[in-house]
């Protein structure tokens, strides 16, 4: 079997070594590889590769963003709990009407153990008269563990306005 020296790295520059197996010891059979889909489920698929090819080191695995929507009236609470390590890409929050002064939107990391819970964002939406808030996380931020949840909460909604919350995240 031929050894391939092509290096595959992730978006953090870490070396990625795909798990591959072949039905024949000499590598002449069918190649199989493990793949985690956008729902976090492990899939095992066949990969057709010509003998002697260096395609194995160039399998392109692309993460697919997961879009979650929550809506309601009254006090808003939206919780994102992927149950796998994830990168939060963006939070979008829309209000159907202007809130009263000091009504605050807070985004919190609910970690394992209250000592690690962290406020990621707190915005006084009422005093600003804001109807929309968009928070985008950069490429080196927004990474969370599998036991973490993100809680998006509105302190009050005295007018009972309709609200909508969207989160975009990727499993890592």
N, C-alpha and C. Protein backbone atom coordinates (compact mmCIF):
# COMPACT_ATOMS: atom_id res chain seq x y z
N UNK A 1 0.83 -1.17 0.00
CA UNK A 1 0.00 0.00 0.00
C UNK A 1 0.88 1.24 0.00
N UNK A 2 0.48 2.25 -0.73
CA UNK A 2 1.25 3.49 -0.86
C UNK A 2 0.99 4.40 0.33
N UNK A 3 2.03 5.02 0.85
CA UNK A 3 1.88 6.00 1.93
C UNK A 3 1.68 7.37 1.28
N UNK A 4 0.73 8.16 1.78
CA UNK A 4 0.44 9.47 1.24
C UNK A 4 0.88 10.53 2.26
N UNK A 5 1.59 11.53 1.78
CA UNK A 5 2.12 12.55 2.65
C UNK A 5 1.34 13.86 2.58
N UNK A 6 0.29 13.91 1.78
CA UNK A 6 -0.52 15.13 1.71
C UNK A 6 -1.13 15.38 3.09
N UNK A 7 -0.95 16.59 3.60
CA UNK A 7 -1.49 16.92 4.92
C UNK A 7 -2.81 17.65 4.76
N UNK A 8 -3.79 17.25 5.53
CA UNK A 8 -5.10 17.87 5.56
C UNK A 8 -5.23 18.55 6.91
N UNK A 9 -5.56 19.86 6.90
CA UNK A 9 -5.69 20.60 8.15
C UNK A 9 -7.09 21.21 8.25
N UNK A 10 -7.54 21.43 9.51
CA UNK A 10 -8.83 22.06 9.72
C UNK A 10 -8.67 23.58 9.74
N UNK A 11 -9.76 24.31 10.02
CA UNK A 11 -9.72 25.77 10.00
C UNK A 11 -8.86 26.37 11.10
N UNK A 12 -8.39 25.58 12.05
CA UNK A 12 -7.50 26.04 13.12
C UNK A 12 -6.04 25.66 12.83
N UNK A 13 -5.78 25.01 11.68
CA UNK A 13 -4.44 24.61 11.33
C UNK A 13 -4.00 23.29 11.96
N UNK A 14 -4.96 22.57 12.60
CA UNK A 14 -4.62 21.29 13.23
C UNK A 14 -4.65 20.19 12.18
N UNK A 15 -3.70 19.27 12.28
CA UNK A 15 -3.62 18.16 11.34
C UNK A 15 -4.82 17.23 11.51
N UNK A 16 -5.47 16.92 10.40
CA UNK A 16 -6.62 16.02 10.40
C UNK A 16 -6.19 14.73 9.72
N UNK A 17 -6.44 13.62 10.37
CA UNK A 17 -6.11 12.32 9.80
C UNK A 17 -7.41 11.53 9.65
N UNK A 18 -7.94 11.48 8.43
CA UNK A 18 -9.19 10.75 8.22
C UNK A 18 -9.05 9.27 8.57
N UNK A 19 -10.07 8.71 9.15
CA UNK A 19 -10.09 7.28 9.47
C UNK A 19 -10.59 6.55 8.22
N UNK A 20 -9.72 5.73 7.64
CA UNK A 20 -10.05 5.00 6.43
C UNK A 20 -9.77 3.52 6.64
N UNK A 21 -10.54 2.70 6.01
CA UNK A 21 -10.24 1.26 6.02
C UNK A 21 -10.58 0.70 4.65
N UNK A 22 -9.96 -0.42 4.32
CA UNK A 22 -10.14 -1.03 3.02
C UNK A 22 -10.53 -2.48 3.22
N UNK A 23 -11.31 -3.02 2.29
CA UNK A 23 -11.76 -4.40 2.39
C UNK A 23 -10.65 -5.39 2.06
N UNK A 24 -9.56 -4.89 1.47
CA UNK A 24 -8.42 -5.77 1.16
C UNK A 24 -7.16 -5.23 1.85
N UNK A 25 -6.33 -6.13 2.38
CA UNK A 25 -5.13 -5.71 3.10
C UNK A 25 -4.16 -4.92 2.23
N UNK A 26 -4.16 -5.20 0.91
CA UNK A 26 -3.22 -4.49 0.02
C UNK A 26 -3.78 -3.16 -0.49
N UNK A 27 -4.99 -2.79 -0.06
CA UNK A 27 -5.57 -1.51 -0.47
C UNK A 27 -6.27 -1.55 -1.82
N UNK A 28 -6.43 -2.72 -2.40
CA UNK A 28 -7.05 -2.83 -3.72
C UNK A 28 -8.57 -2.94 -3.66
N UNK A 29 -9.13 -3.07 -2.47
CA UNK A 29 -10.58 -3.22 -2.33
C UNK A 29 -11.30 -1.88 -2.23
N UNK A 30 -12.45 -1.89 -1.63
CA UNK A 30 -13.25 -0.68 -1.45
C UNK A 30 -12.82 0.06 -0.20
N UNK A 31 -12.64 1.36 -0.34
CA UNK A 31 -12.27 2.20 0.80
C UNK A 31 -13.53 2.66 1.52
N UNK A 32 -13.51 2.65 2.84
CA UNK A 32 -14.60 3.15 3.65
C UNK A 32 -14.05 4.23 4.58
N UNK A 33 -14.86 5.25 4.83
CA UNK A 33 -14.43 6.32 5.73
C UNK A 33 -15.58 6.72 6.63
N UNK A 34 -15.24 7.20 7.83
CA UNK A 34 -16.25 7.66 8.79
C UNK A 34 -16.56 9.12 8.51
N UNK A 35 -17.82 9.48 8.61
CA UNK A 35 -18.25 10.85 8.35
C UNK A 35 -19.34 11.19 9.36
N UNK A 36 -19.25 12.36 9.97
CA UNK A 36 -20.29 12.84 10.87
C UNK A 36 -21.14 13.82 10.09
N UNK A 37 -22.45 13.55 9.98
CA UNK A 37 -23.33 14.42 9.21
C UNK A 37 -23.73 15.66 10.02
N UNK A 38 -24.52 16.56 9.42
CA UNK A 38 -24.88 17.82 10.06
C UNK A 38 -25.75 17.63 11.30
N UNK A 39 -26.34 16.45 11.48
CA UNK A 39 -27.12 16.16 12.68
C UNK A 39 -26.26 15.53 13.78
N UNK A 40 -24.96 15.34 13.51
CA UNK A 40 -24.06 14.76 14.50
C UNK A 40 -24.05 13.24 14.52
N UNK A 41 -24.66 12.62 13.49
CA UNK A 41 -24.71 11.16 13.43
C UNK A 41 -23.52 10.63 12.64
N UNK A 42 -22.95 9.52 13.09
CA UNK A 42 -21.83 8.90 12.41
C UNK A 42 -22.35 8.09 11.23
N UNK A 43 -21.77 8.34 10.06
CA UNK A 43 -22.13 7.63 8.84
C UNK A 43 -20.87 6.94 8.33
N UNK A 44 -21.00 5.77 7.76
CA UNK A 44 -19.86 5.10 7.14
C UNK A 44 -20.23 4.93 5.67
N UNK A 45 -19.42 5.51 4.80
CA UNK A 45 -19.71 5.50 3.37
C UNK A 45 -18.55 4.89 2.60
N UNK A 46 -18.88 4.32 1.43
CA UNK A 46 -17.85 3.81 0.53
C UNK A 46 -17.29 4.97 -0.27
N UNK A 47 -16.02 4.90 -0.58
CA UNK A 47 -15.35 5.94 -1.35
C UNK A 47 -14.64 5.24 -2.50
N UNK A 48 -15.01 5.59 -3.73
CA UNK A 48 -14.37 4.97 -4.89
C UNK A 48 -13.14 5.78 -5.27
N UNK A 49 -11.98 5.13 -5.21
CA UNK A 49 -10.72 5.79 -5.51
C UNK A 49 -9.90 4.86 -6.40
N UNK A 50 -9.35 5.41 -7.46
CA UNK A 50 -8.51 4.61 -8.36
C UNK A 50 -7.24 4.18 -7.62
N UNK A 51 -6.80 2.96 -7.89
CA UNK A 51 -5.57 2.45 -7.26
C UNK A 51 -4.41 3.37 -7.58
N UNK A 52 -3.56 3.64 -6.60
CA UNK A 52 -2.39 4.49 -6.80
C UNK A 52 -2.70 5.98 -6.75
N UNK A 53 -3.95 6.33 -6.52
CA UNK A 53 -4.35 7.74 -6.47
C UNK A 53 -3.98 8.35 -5.12
N UNK A 54 -3.77 9.66 -5.09
CA UNK A 54 -3.52 10.33 -3.81
C UNK A 54 -4.77 11.10 -3.37
N UNK A 55 -5.92 10.71 -3.88
CA UNK A 55 -7.17 11.38 -3.57
C UNK A 55 -7.53 11.27 -2.09
N UNK A 56 -7.08 10.22 -1.41
CA UNK A 56 -7.45 9.98 -0.02
C UNK A 56 -7.11 11.19 0.84
N UNK A 57 -5.96 11.78 0.65
CA UNK A 57 -5.56 12.93 1.46
C UNK A 57 -6.30 14.20 1.11
N UNK A 58 -7.15 14.15 0.10
CA UNK A 58 -7.83 15.36 -0.36
C UNK A 58 -9.35 15.28 -0.26
N UNK A 59 -9.86 14.41 0.60
CA UNK A 59 -11.29 14.34 0.80
C UNK A 59 -11.73 15.64 1.45
N UNK A 60 -12.66 16.35 0.85
CA UNK A 60 -13.09 17.65 1.36
C UNK A 60 -14.36 17.48 2.19
N UNK A 61 -14.25 17.66 3.48
CA UNK A 61 -15.40 17.55 4.38
C UNK A 61 -15.80 18.97 4.77
N UNK A 62 -17.01 19.35 4.41
CA UNK A 62 -17.50 20.70 4.67
C UNK A 62 -18.57 20.66 5.74
N UNK A 63 -18.43 21.52 6.75
CA UNK A 63 -19.45 21.60 7.78
C UNK A 63 -20.66 22.34 7.23
N UNK A 64 -21.82 21.92 7.66
CA UNK A 64 -23.07 22.55 7.22
C UNK A 64 -23.68 23.28 8.41
N UNK A 65 -23.93 24.60 8.27
CA UNK A 65 -24.54 25.34 9.38
C UNK A 65 -25.95 24.82 9.68
N UNK A 66 -26.27 24.77 10.97
CA UNK A 66 -27.60 24.37 11.42
C UNK A 66 -28.35 25.64 11.81
N UNK A 67 -29.53 25.83 11.24
CA UNK A 67 -30.34 27.03 11.45
C UNK A 67 -31.52 26.66 12.35
N UNK A 68 -31.60 27.28 13.53
CA UNK A 68 -32.67 26.99 14.47
C UNK A 68 -33.51 28.25 14.68
N UNK A 69 -34.84 28.10 14.57
CA UNK A 69 -35.75 29.24 14.73
C UNK A 69 -36.68 29.01 15.92
N UNK A 70 -36.89 30.08 16.70
CA UNK A 70 -37.82 30.06 17.83
C UNK A 70 -38.61 31.36 17.78
N UNK A 71 -39.91 31.30 18.07
CA UNK A 71 -40.73 32.51 18.08
C UNK A 71 -41.75 32.44 19.21
N UNK A 72 -42.31 33.58 19.56
CA UNK A 72 -43.33 33.61 20.60
C UNK A 72 -43.78 35.02 20.90
N UNK A 73 -44.60 35.15 21.93
CA UNK A 73 -45.02 36.45 22.46
C UNK A 73 -44.75 36.41 23.96
N UNK A 74 -44.73 37.54 24.57
CA UNK A 74 -44.41 37.57 26.00
C UNK A 74 -42.91 37.52 26.20
N UNK A 75 -42.51 37.12 27.39
CA UNK A 75 -41.09 37.05 27.70
C UNK A 75 -40.43 35.99 26.83
N UNK A 76 -39.34 36.37 26.20
CA UNK A 76 -38.66 35.48 25.25
C UNK A 76 -37.57 34.67 25.93
N UNK A 77 -37.59 33.37 25.67
CA UNK A 77 -36.49 32.51 26.08
C UNK A 77 -36.29 31.49 24.96
N UNK A 78 -35.12 31.54 24.34
CA UNK A 78 -34.76 30.56 23.32
C UNK A 78 -33.49 29.87 23.80
N UNK A 79 -33.45 28.55 23.70
CA UNK A 79 -32.29 27.80 24.17
C UNK A 79 -31.75 26.94 23.04
N UNK A 80 -30.45 27.04 22.81
CA UNK A 80 -29.76 26.23 21.81
C UNK A 80 -28.94 25.18 22.58
N UNK A 81 -29.26 23.90 22.35
CA UNK A 81 -28.55 22.80 23.03
C UNK A 81 -28.22 21.72 22.01
N UNK A 82 -27.12 21.84 21.27
CA UNK A 82 -26.79 20.85 20.25
C UNK A 82 -26.38 19.48 20.78
N UNK A 83 -25.97 19.36 22.05
CA UNK A 83 -25.51 18.10 22.65
C UNK A 83 -24.26 17.54 21.98
N UNK A 84 -23.50 18.38 21.32
CA UNK A 84 -22.20 18.04 20.74
C UNK A 84 -21.39 19.33 20.75
N UNK A 85 -20.07 19.24 20.69
CA UNK A 85 -19.25 20.45 20.63
C UNK A 85 -19.69 21.25 19.41
N UNK A 86 -19.78 22.58 19.56
CA UNK A 86 -20.28 23.39 18.46
C UNK A 86 -19.63 24.76 18.42
N UNK A 87 -19.75 25.39 17.26
CA UNK A 87 -19.31 26.77 17.08
C UNK A 87 -20.55 27.57 16.76
N UNK A 88 -20.81 28.58 17.58
CA UNK A 88 -21.93 29.48 17.34
C UNK A 88 -21.50 30.50 16.30
N UNK A 89 -22.22 30.56 15.19
CA UNK A 89 -21.88 31.46 14.10
C UNK A 89 -22.58 32.80 14.22
N UNK A 90 -23.89 32.75 14.56
CA UNK A 90 -24.66 34.00 14.56
C UNK A 90 -25.94 33.85 15.36
N UNK A 91 -26.36 34.96 15.97
CA UNK A 91 -27.66 35.06 16.63
C UNK A 91 -28.38 36.23 15.98
N UNK A 92 -29.64 36.01 15.60
CA UNK A 92 -30.48 37.07 15.03
C UNK A 92 -31.75 37.15 15.88
N UNK A 93 -32.07 38.34 16.35
CA UNK A 93 -33.26 38.51 17.19
C UNK A 93 -34.08 39.67 16.62
N UNK A 94 -35.39 39.45 16.43
CA UNK A 94 -36.28 40.48 15.89
C UNK A 94 -37.49 40.65 16.81
N UNK A 95 -37.86 41.90 17.02
CA UNK A 95 -39.04 42.24 17.82
C UNK A 95 -40.12 42.84 16.94
N UNK A 96 -41.38 42.50 17.23
CA UNK A 96 -42.50 43.03 16.46
C UNK A 96 -42.84 44.47 16.81
N UNK A 97 -42.33 44.99 17.91
CA UNK A 97 -42.59 46.36 18.32
C UNK A 97 -41.52 46.82 19.30
N UNK A 98 -41.45 48.13 19.51
CA UNK A 98 -40.45 48.70 20.41
C UNK A 98 -40.79 48.33 21.86
N UNK A 99 -39.81 47.91 22.60
CA UNK A 99 -39.98 47.54 24.01
C UNK A 99 -39.99 48.77 24.91
N UNK A 100 -40.43 48.59 26.13
CA UNK A 100 -40.35 49.64 27.15
C UNK A 100 -38.89 49.84 27.55
N UNK A 101 -38.58 51.00 28.09
CA UNK A 101 -37.21 51.30 28.52
C UNK A 101 -36.70 50.24 29.49
N UNK A 102 -35.45 49.94 29.39
CA UNK A 102 -34.68 48.99 30.21
C UNK A 102 -35.04 47.51 30.00
N UNK A 103 -35.86 47.18 29.02
CA UNK A 103 -36.09 45.77 28.71
C UNK A 103 -34.86 45.26 27.95
N UNK A 104 -34.23 44.25 28.52
CA UNK A 104 -32.90 43.83 28.10
C UNK A 104 -32.91 42.44 27.47
N UNK A 105 -32.15 42.29 26.38
CA UNK A 105 -31.91 40.98 25.76
C UNK A 105 -30.54 40.50 26.24
N UNK A 106 -30.50 39.29 26.79
CA UNK A 106 -29.25 38.73 27.32
C UNK A 106 -28.98 37.38 26.68
N UNK A 107 -27.74 37.17 26.25
CA UNK A 107 -27.29 35.90 25.69
C UNK A 107 -26.27 35.32 26.67
N UNK A 108 -26.54 34.10 27.15
CA UNK A 108 -25.71 33.50 28.19
C UNK A 108 -25.26 32.11 27.78
N UNK A 109 -24.01 31.80 28.11
CA UNK A 109 -23.51 30.42 27.99
C UNK A 109 -23.89 29.71 29.28
N UNK A 110 -24.73 28.68 29.17
CA UNK A 110 -25.11 27.87 30.32
C UNK A 110 -24.19 26.65 30.29
N UNK A 111 -23.12 26.72 31.08
CA UNK A 111 -22.09 25.67 31.08
C UNK A 111 -22.36 24.66 32.19
N UNK A 112 -21.62 23.57 32.16
CA UNK A 112 -21.71 22.60 33.24
C UNK A 112 -21.09 23.23 34.48
N UNK A 113 -21.92 23.49 35.48
CA UNK A 113 -21.45 24.16 36.69
C UNK A 113 -21.69 25.65 36.59
N UNK A 114 -22.44 26.20 37.52
CA UNK A 114 -22.80 27.62 37.50
C UNK A 114 -21.57 28.53 37.52
N UNK A 115 -20.45 28.05 38.04
CA UNK A 115 -19.24 28.86 38.10
C UNK A 115 -18.73 29.23 36.71
N UNK A 116 -19.16 28.48 35.68
CA UNK A 116 -18.67 28.71 34.32
C UNK A 116 -19.71 29.39 33.43
N UNK A 117 -20.91 29.66 33.94
CA UNK A 117 -21.92 30.37 33.15
C UNK A 117 -21.40 31.76 32.84
N UNK A 118 -21.55 32.19 31.59
CA UNK A 118 -20.97 33.45 31.15
C UNK A 118 -21.97 34.24 30.34
N UNK A 119 -22.09 35.54 30.63
CA UNK A 119 -22.92 36.43 29.81
C UNK A 119 -22.10 36.80 28.58
N UNK A 120 -22.60 36.44 27.41
CA UNK A 120 -21.91 36.71 26.16
C UNK A 120 -22.31 38.07 25.59
N UNK A 121 -23.55 38.49 25.89
CA UNK A 121 -24.06 39.75 25.35
C UNK A 121 -25.24 40.19 26.21
N UNK A 122 -25.32 41.46 26.50
CA UNK A 122 -26.48 42.03 27.19
C UNK A 122 -26.76 43.39 26.57
N UNK A 123 -27.97 43.56 26.03
CA UNK A 123 -28.30 44.78 25.29
C UNK A 123 -29.65 45.32 25.75
N UNK A 124 -29.68 46.60 26.12
CA UNK A 124 -30.91 47.28 26.52
C UNK A 124 -31.68 47.65 25.25
N UNK A 125 -32.56 46.77 24.83
CA UNK A 125 -33.31 46.96 23.57
C UNK A 125 -34.37 48.05 23.69
N UNK A 126 -34.97 48.20 24.89
CA UNK A 126 -36.05 49.18 25.07
C UNK A 126 -35.56 50.61 24.98
N UNK A 127 -34.52 50.95 25.73
CA UNK A 127 -34.01 52.32 25.73
C UNK A 127 -33.50 52.72 24.35
N UNK A 128 -32.89 51.76 23.63
CA UNK A 128 -32.39 52.03 22.29
C UNK A 128 -33.51 52.15 21.26
N UNK A 129 -34.66 51.56 21.56
CA UNK A 129 -35.75 51.53 20.59
C UNK A 129 -35.45 50.57 19.45
N UNK A 130 -34.60 49.61 19.70
CA UNK A 130 -34.16 48.67 18.66
C UNK A 130 -35.20 47.58 18.42
N UNK A 131 -35.35 47.19 17.18
CA UNK A 131 -36.23 46.09 16.81
C UNK A 131 -35.44 44.84 16.41
N UNK A 132 -34.18 45.03 16.02
CA UNK A 132 -33.35 43.92 15.54
C UNK A 132 -32.00 43.94 16.22
N UNK A 133 -31.48 42.74 16.47
CA UNK A 133 -30.13 42.60 16.98
C UNK A 133 -29.49 41.41 16.27
N UNK A 134 -28.31 41.62 15.73
CA UNK A 134 -27.56 40.55 15.07
C UNK A 134 -26.18 40.49 15.72
N UNK A 135 -25.80 39.33 16.21
CA UNK A 135 -24.48 39.11 16.82
C UNK A 135 -23.80 38.02 16.02
N UNK A 136 -22.68 38.37 15.38
CA UNK A 136 -21.90 37.41 14.60
C UNK A 136 -20.63 37.09 15.36
N UNK A 137 -20.28 35.81 15.40
CA UNK A 137 -19.07 35.37 16.09
C UNK A 137 -17.96 35.16 15.06
N UNK A 138 -16.77 35.67 15.33
CA UNK A 138 -15.63 35.56 14.42
C UNK A 138 -15.11 34.14 14.34
N UNK A 139 -14.15 33.94 13.45
CA UNK A 139 -13.65 32.57 13.20
C UNK A 139 -12.94 31.96 14.41
N UNK A 140 -12.42 32.78 15.32
CA UNK A 140 -11.70 32.25 16.49
C UNK A 140 -12.49 32.38 17.78
N UNK A 141 -13.79 32.64 17.69
CA UNK A 141 -14.61 32.75 18.90
C UNK A 141 -15.91 31.98 18.71
N UNK A 142 -16.63 31.80 19.79
CA UNK A 142 -17.92 31.11 19.71
C UNK A 142 -17.84 29.60 19.77
N UNK A 143 -16.74 29.03 20.30
CA UNK A 143 -16.61 27.58 20.44
C UNK A 143 -17.12 27.14 21.80
N UNK A 144 -17.96 26.10 21.82
CA UNK A 144 -18.57 25.63 23.06
C UNK A 144 -18.49 24.11 23.15
N UNK A 145 -18.53 23.61 24.38
CA UNK A 145 -18.45 22.18 24.64
C UNK A 145 -19.80 21.52 24.45
N UNK A 146 -19.81 20.20 24.36
CA UNK A 146 -21.04 19.44 24.12
C UNK A 146 -22.06 19.60 25.25
N UNK A 147 -21.60 19.91 26.46
CA UNK A 147 -22.52 20.07 27.59
C UNK A 147 -23.05 21.49 27.74
N UNK A 148 -22.59 22.41 26.88
CA UNK A 148 -23.02 23.82 26.96
C UNK A 148 -24.34 24.05 26.23
N UNK A 149 -25.08 25.04 26.72
CA UNK A 149 -26.27 25.56 26.04
C UNK A 149 -26.11 27.06 25.92
N UNK A 150 -26.77 27.63 24.93
CA UNK A 150 -26.83 29.08 24.78
C UNK A 150 -28.27 29.48 25.05
N UNK A 151 -28.46 30.39 26.01
CA UNK A 151 -29.80 30.85 26.39
C UNK A 151 -29.94 32.31 25.97
N UNK A 152 -30.96 32.60 25.17
CA UNK A 152 -31.25 33.95 24.72
C UNK A 152 -32.55 34.36 25.42
N UNK A 153 -32.48 35.37 26.29
CA UNK A 153 -33.63 35.72 27.13
C UNK A 153 -33.90 37.22 27.09
N UNK A 154 -35.17 37.55 27.07
CA UNK A 154 -35.64 38.93 27.13
C UNK A 154 -36.17 39.16 28.53
N UNK A 155 -35.66 40.21 29.22
CA UNK A 155 -36.01 40.42 30.63
C UNK A 155 -37.51 40.63 30.83
N UNK A 156 -38.15 41.29 29.89
CA UNK A 156 -39.60 41.51 29.96
C UNK A 156 -40.10 41.81 28.55
N UNK A 157 -41.37 41.73 28.37
CA UNK A 157 -41.99 42.09 27.10
C UNK A 157 -43.39 42.59 27.47
N UNK A 158 -43.43 43.75 28.14
CA UNK A 158 -44.67 44.28 28.71
C UNK A 158 -45.78 44.42 27.69
N UNK A 159 -45.41 44.72 26.44
CA UNK A 159 -46.41 44.89 25.39
C UNK A 159 -46.84 43.59 24.74
N UNK A 160 -46.23 42.48 25.11
CA UNK A 160 -46.60 41.19 24.51
C UNK A 160 -46.30 41.11 23.03
N UNK A 161 -45.25 41.81 22.58
CA UNK A 161 -44.90 41.82 21.16
C UNK A 161 -44.40 40.45 20.70
N UNK A 162 -44.66 40.14 19.44
CA UNK A 162 -44.13 38.92 18.84
C UNK A 162 -42.63 39.09 18.64
N UNK A 163 -41.89 38.04 18.94
CA UNK A 163 -40.45 38.06 18.74
C UNK A 163 -40.03 36.81 17.98
N UNK A 164 -38.90 36.90 17.32
CA UNK A 164 -38.33 35.76 16.60
C UNK A 164 -36.84 35.70 16.84
N UNK A 165 -36.33 34.52 17.10
CA UNK A 165 -34.91 34.33 17.36
C UNK A 165 -34.39 33.24 16.42
N UNK A 166 -33.27 33.52 15.78
CA UNK A 166 -32.62 32.54 14.91
C UNK A 166 -31.18 32.37 15.37
N UNK A 167 -30.73 31.12 15.42
CA UNK A 167 -29.32 30.86 15.70
C UNK A 167 -28.75 30.02 14.57
N UNK A 168 -27.50 30.26 14.26
CA UNK A 168 -26.78 29.46 13.28
C UNK A 168 -25.55 28.91 13.98
N UNK A 169 -25.35 27.59 13.91
CA UNK A 169 -24.18 26.97 14.53
C UNK A 169 -23.70 25.80 13.67
N UNK A 170 -22.47 25.38 13.91
CA UNK A 170 -21.89 24.21 13.26
C UNK A 170 -21.40 23.26 14.33
N UNK A 171 -21.55 21.98 14.09
CA UNK A 171 -20.96 20.99 15.00
C UNK A 171 -19.48 20.89 14.66
N UNK A 172 -18.64 20.79 15.70
CA UNK A 172 -17.18 20.73 15.46
C UNK A 172 -16.61 19.44 16.04
